[in-house]
Amino acid sequence: MKKILSIVFIIAVSTNLFATQGLVVTQKYTDASAKGATIQVTWYVTADQCKMKMSYADDKLNSNTYFIPDVAASKLLTYSDGQVPGATGNRYFSVPLQSIKPAINVSRVSVTQTGETKPVGGILCQKVIVKTNISVTEMWVTQNFKADFYKFFPFFQNSFELMALNQESLQGVPLESVTKDLGGKVISSYQLVSASESDLTSADLSVPAGYQSADDTGK
């Protein structure tokens, strides 16, 4: 009996060492500049790590592209699978943080936590309003999952949602959002498909085994 208990204890400790509580969020993404495309985004988020999968399909392309912030090395790791033009073999690329620039520069950012709450996908969220010189974003941010997701904004600088979270060091993950220009036209939106708390391992949050760095191949 003592031996069995010891084995159970070892398994439990091992599981805790290699798995971390996280949130997996899948959203349908729409972008006014990508008409005709079907885009789905999945975020894997823990207290100190994240990984984003973007599935993109149109009449010419069907692929999955993954983005992993490597905070320690100040790099964004990225790799793809599926029909990707120019892709050769299982390789991943490292983008220096200083090379990542937003496509649109915004100013006069104001963030309002409205205090209004509702469940989104079964997860309690707060409504947050974000205003800039060019846009207004309404988003619903998790209240019971308090990861420092905002810290990844430097790696995803085109996200109005992460920009707002970072501005206020606001904990949580946006599950739904709509961004409009000052005339009320929708620029982009995220519609929740599913959200669930899950134990995420290091393998869930890293480049898969078998992928080689493009830096090592001279590409």
Protein backbone atom coordinates (compact mmCIF):
# COMPACT_ATOMS: atom_id res chain seq x y z
CA MET A 1 0.00 0.00 0.00
CA LYS A 2 2.82 2.37 0.90
CA LYS A 3 4.48 1.69 -2.46
CA ILE A 4 1.23 2.46 -4.32
CA LEU A 5 0.81 5.74 -2.45
CA SER A 6 4.41 6.67 -3.29
CA ILE A 7 3.78 6.03 -6.99
CA VAL A 8 0.58 8.12 -6.91
CA PHE A 9 2.49 10.95 -5.19
CA ILE A 10 5.27 10.85 -7.80
CA ILE A 11 2.76 10.93 -10.64
CA ALA A 12 0.93 13.88 -9.08
CA VAL A 13 4.14 15.84 -8.58
CA SER A 14 5.30 15.06 -12.13
CA THR A 15 1.99 16.24 -13.55
CA ASN A 16 2.23 19.52 -11.66
CA LEU A 17 5.77 20.05 -12.89
CA PHE A 18 4.88 19.68 -16.56
CA ALA A 19 1.33 21.06 -16.72
CA THR A 20 0.08 24.53 -15.83
CA GLN A 21 -3.48 25.76 -15.51
CA GLY A 22 -4.39 27.79 -18.55
CA LEU A 23 -7.16 28.98 -20.80
CA VAL A 24 -7.79 27.87 -24.39
CA VAL A 25 -9.86 30.37 -26.38
CA THR A 26 -11.01 29.90 -29.97
CA GLN A 27 -12.53 32.86 -31.83
CA LYS A 28 -13.82 33.66 -35.28
CA TYR A 29 -11.92 36.71 -36.50
CA THR A 30 -13.21 39.16 -39.08
CA ASP A 31 -11.13 41.89 -40.68
CA ALA A 32 -12.47 44.53 -43.07
CA SER A 33 -9.25 44.26 -45.10
CA ALA A 34 -9.54 40.47 -45.54
CA LYS A 35 -12.87 40.09 -47.32
CA GLY A 36 -13.67 36.58 -48.48
CA ALA A 37 -11.31 34.96 -45.97
CA THR A 38 -12.28 32.64 -43.15
CA ILE A 39 -10.05 33.27 -40.14
CA GLN A 40 -10.06 31.50 -36.80
CA VAL A 41 -7.75 32.31 -33.90
CA THR A 42 -6.93 30.07 -30.94
CA TRP A 43 -5.07 31.37 -27.89
CA TYR A 44 -3.34 29.10 -25.36
CA VAL A 45 -2.69 31.22 -22.26
CA THR A 46 -1.14 30.54 -18.86
CA ALA A 47 0.04 32.92 -16.15
CA ASP A 48 3.36 33.55 -17.90
CA GLN A 49 3.17 32.05 -21.40
CA CYS A 50 0.99 32.11 -24.47
CA LYS A 51 0.75 30.71 -27.98
CA MET A 52 -1.50 31.83 -30.81
CA LYS A 53 -2.73 29.74 -33.72
CA MET A 54 -4.25 31.49 -36.72
CA SER A 55 -6.14 29.36 -39.23
CA TYR A 56 -6.63 31.17 -42.56
CA ALA A 57 -8.54 30.03 -45.62
CA ASP A 58 -9.54 31.71 -48.86
CA ASP A 59 -9.72 30.67 -52.52
CA LYS A 60 -5.90 30.54 -52.74
CA LEU A 61 -4.60 29.58 -49.32
CA ASN A 62 -5.41 27.21 -46.49
CA SER A 63 -2.94 27.18 -43.62
CA ASN A 64 -2.27 27.37 -39.90
CA THR A 65 0.33 29.81 -38.59
CA TYR A 66 1.54 29.78 -35.00
CA PHE A 67 3.09 32.59 -32.93
CA ILE A 68 4.96 32.05 -29.65
CA PRO A 69 6.46 34.93 -27.64
CA ASP A 70 9.90 34.00 -26.33
CA VAL A 71 10.08 36.63 -23.60
CA ALA A 72 13.51 35.59 -22.31
CA ALA A 73 15.11 35.91 -25.76
CA SER A 74 12.98 38.93 -26.84
CA LYS A 75 11.88 37.09 -29.97
CA LEU A 76 8.63 35.97 -31.55
CA LEU A 77 8.81 32.39 -32.79
CA THR A 78 6.60 31.52 -35.75
CA TYR A 79 5.97 28.49 -37.94
CA SER A 80 3.28 27.25 -40.33
CA ASP A 81 1.68 24.13 -41.68
CA GLY A 82 -0.70 23.55 -44.55
CA GLN A 83 -0.51 25.29 -47.93
CA VAL A 84 2.00 28.06 -47.29
CA PRO A 85 3.70 29.73 -50.31
CA GLY A 86 7.46 29.31 -50.14
CA ALA A 87 7.37 26.96 -47.15
CA THR A 88 10.01 24.23 -47.26
CA GLY A 89 10.14 21.57 -44.59
CA ASN A 90 9.40 21.88 -40.89
CA ARG A 91 11.14 25.13 -39.98
CA TYR A 92 10.40 27.91 -37.55
CA PHE A 93 11.52 31.52 -37.66
CA SER A 94 12.66 33.91 -34.94
CA VAL A 95 11.60 37.54 -35.24
CA PRO A 96 13.52 39.98 -32.99
CA LEU A 97 11.21 42.00 -30.78
CA GLN A 98 12.71 45.27 -31.99
CA SER A 99 11.65 44.37 -35.54
CA ILE A 100 7.97 44.10 -34.62
CA LYS A 101 6.13 47.32 -35.47
CA PRO A 102 2.41 48.12 -35.50
CA ALA A 103 0.77 48.53 -38.91
CA ILE A 104 -1.22 51.51 -37.61
CA ASN A 105 -0.03 54.00 -35.01
CA VAL A 106 -2.69 55.16 -32.59
CA SER A 107 -2.72 57.84 -29.90
CA ARG A 108 -4.93 59.26 -27.15
CA VAL A 109 -5.70 55.79 -25.78
CA SER A 110 -8.29 55.72 -23.00
CA VAL A 111 -9.53 52.57 -21.27
CA THR A 112 -12.77 52.39 -19.27
CA GLN A 113 -13.66 49.44 -17.07
CA THR A 114 -17.44 49.77 -17.10
CA GLY A 115 -18.17 47.42 -14.21
CA GLU A 116 -20.80 45.72 -16.39
CA THR A 117 -20.41 41.95 -16.34
CA LYS A 118 -21.92 38.95 -18.11
CA PRO A 119 -20.96 35.33 -18.79
CA VAL A 120 -19.35 34.72 -22.17
CA GLY A 121 -18.97 31.05 -23.02
CA GLY A 122 -19.74 30.26 -19.38
CA ILE A 123 -16.91 32.50 -18.12
CA LEU A 124 -17.66 35.71 -16.23
CA CYS A 125 -16.40 38.77 -18.15
CA GLN A 126 -16.31 42.53 -17.69
CA LYS A 127 -17.12 45.01 -20.45
CA VAL A 128 -14.19 47.28 -21.27
CA ILE A 129 -14.35 50.25 -23.65
CA VAL A 130 -11.21 51.43 -25.45
CA LYS A 131 -11.04 54.71 -27.36
CA THR A 132 -8.20 56.00 -29.55
CA ASN A 133 -7.78 58.77 -32.08
CA ILE A 134 -9.06 56.41 -34.83
CA SER A 135 -11.21 53.73 -33.18
CA VAL A 136 -13.53 52.51 -30.45
CA THR A 137 -13.23 48.94 -29.14
CA GLU A 138 -15.79 47.19 -26.97
CA MET A 139 -14.49 43.98 -25.44
CA TRP A 140 -15.41 41.43 -22.79
CA VAL A 141 -12.49 40.44 -20.55
CA THR A 142 -12.36 37.42 -18.25
CA GLN A 143 -12.83 38.12 -14.55
CA ASN A 144 -12.08 34.71 -13.05
CA PHE A 145 -8.99 34.01 -15.17
CA LYS A 146 -6.50 36.67 -14.13
CA ALA A 147 -3.40 35.91 -16.21
CA ASP A 148 -1.04 38.79 -17.09
CA PHE A 149 -1.94 38.39 -20.76
CA TYR A 150 -1.29 42.11 -21.30
CA LYS A 151 2.47 41.53 -21.02
CA PHE A 152 2.48 39.98 -24.50
CA PHE A 153 1.39 43.20 -26.23
CA PRO A 154 4.93 43.99 -27.51
CA PHE A 155 4.73 40.78 -29.57
CA PHE A 156 1.23 41.51 -30.97
CA GLN A 157 1.24 45.26 -31.52
CA ASN A 158 -1.64 45.29 -34.01
CA SER A 159 -4.09 44.09 -31.36
CA PHE A 160 -6.33 46.87 -30.04
CA GLU A 161 -7.35 44.50 -27.26
CA LEU A 162 -3.84 43.78 -25.99
CA MET A 163 -2.92 47.44 -26.38
CA ALA A 164 -5.73 48.36 -24.00
CA LEU A 165 -4.89 45.66 -21.47
CA ASN A 166 -1.25 46.73 -21.52
CA GLN A 167 -2.16 50.40 -21.08
CA GLU A 168 -3.81 49.63 -17.74
CA SER A 169 -1.89 46.46 -16.77
CA LEU A 170 -5.35 44.90 -16.78
CA GLN A 171 -5.41 41.18 -16.05
CA GLY A 172 -7.60 38.79 -18.02
CA VAL A 173 -8.16 37.60 -21.57
CA PRO A 174 -10.63 39.21 -24.03
CA LEU A 175 -13.16 36.61 -25.18
CA GLU A 176 -15.17 38.84 -27.53
CA SER A 177 -14.58 42.25 -29.04
CA VAL A 178 -15.64 44.65 -31.78
CA THR A 179 -13.50 47.53 -33.05
CA LYS A 180 -15.08 50.32 -35.10
CA ASP A 181 -13.71 53.45 -36.70
CA LEU A 182 -14.98 56.83 -35.52
CA GLY A 183 -17.73 56.69 -38.15
CA GLY A 184 -19.09 53.45 -36.71
CA LYS A 185 -17.78 51.10 -39.42
CA VAL A 186 -16.49 47.75 -38.12
CA ILE A 187 -12.72 47.40 -38.56
CA SER A 188 -12.36 44.01 -36.90
CA SER A 189 -14.09 41.68 -34.48
CA TYR A 190 -13.55 38.53 -32.44
CA GLN A 191 -16.56 36.27 -31.91
CA LEU A 192 -16.18 33.50 -29.33
CA VAL A 193 -16.36 29.93 -30.60
CA SER A 194 -15.26 28.21 -27.38
CA ALA A 195 -13.36 28.88 -24.16
CA SER A 196 -12.26 26.41 -21.52
CA GLU A 197 -9.80 26.18 -18.67
CA SER A 198 -7.28 23.43 -19.31
CA ASP A 199 -3.97 22.07 -18.09
CA LEU A 200 -1.36 23.14 -20.64
CA THR A 201 2.03 21.47 -20.91
CA SER A 202 5.28 22.92 -22.21
CA ALA A 203 4.64 21.05 -25.47
CA ASP A 204 1.35 22.93 -25.92
CA LEU A 205 3.20 26.24 -25.70
CA SER A 206 6.34 25.58 -27.74
CA VAL A 207 7.51 24.80 -31.25
CA PRO A 208 6.79 21.11 -31.99
CA ALA A 209 9.58 18.57 -31.90
CA GLY A 210 10.99 18.01 -35.36
CA TYR A 211 10.94 21.66 -36.37
CA GLN A 212 14.35 23.17 -37.10
CA SER A 213 15.30 26.81 -36.67
CA ALA A 214 15.63 28.58 -40.01
CA ASP A 215 18.62 30.38 -38.50
CA ASP A 216 20.43 27.01 -38.35
CA THR A 217 19.76 26.28 -42.02
CA GLY A 218 20.92 29.61 -43.41
CA LYS A 219 17.40 30.45 -44.58
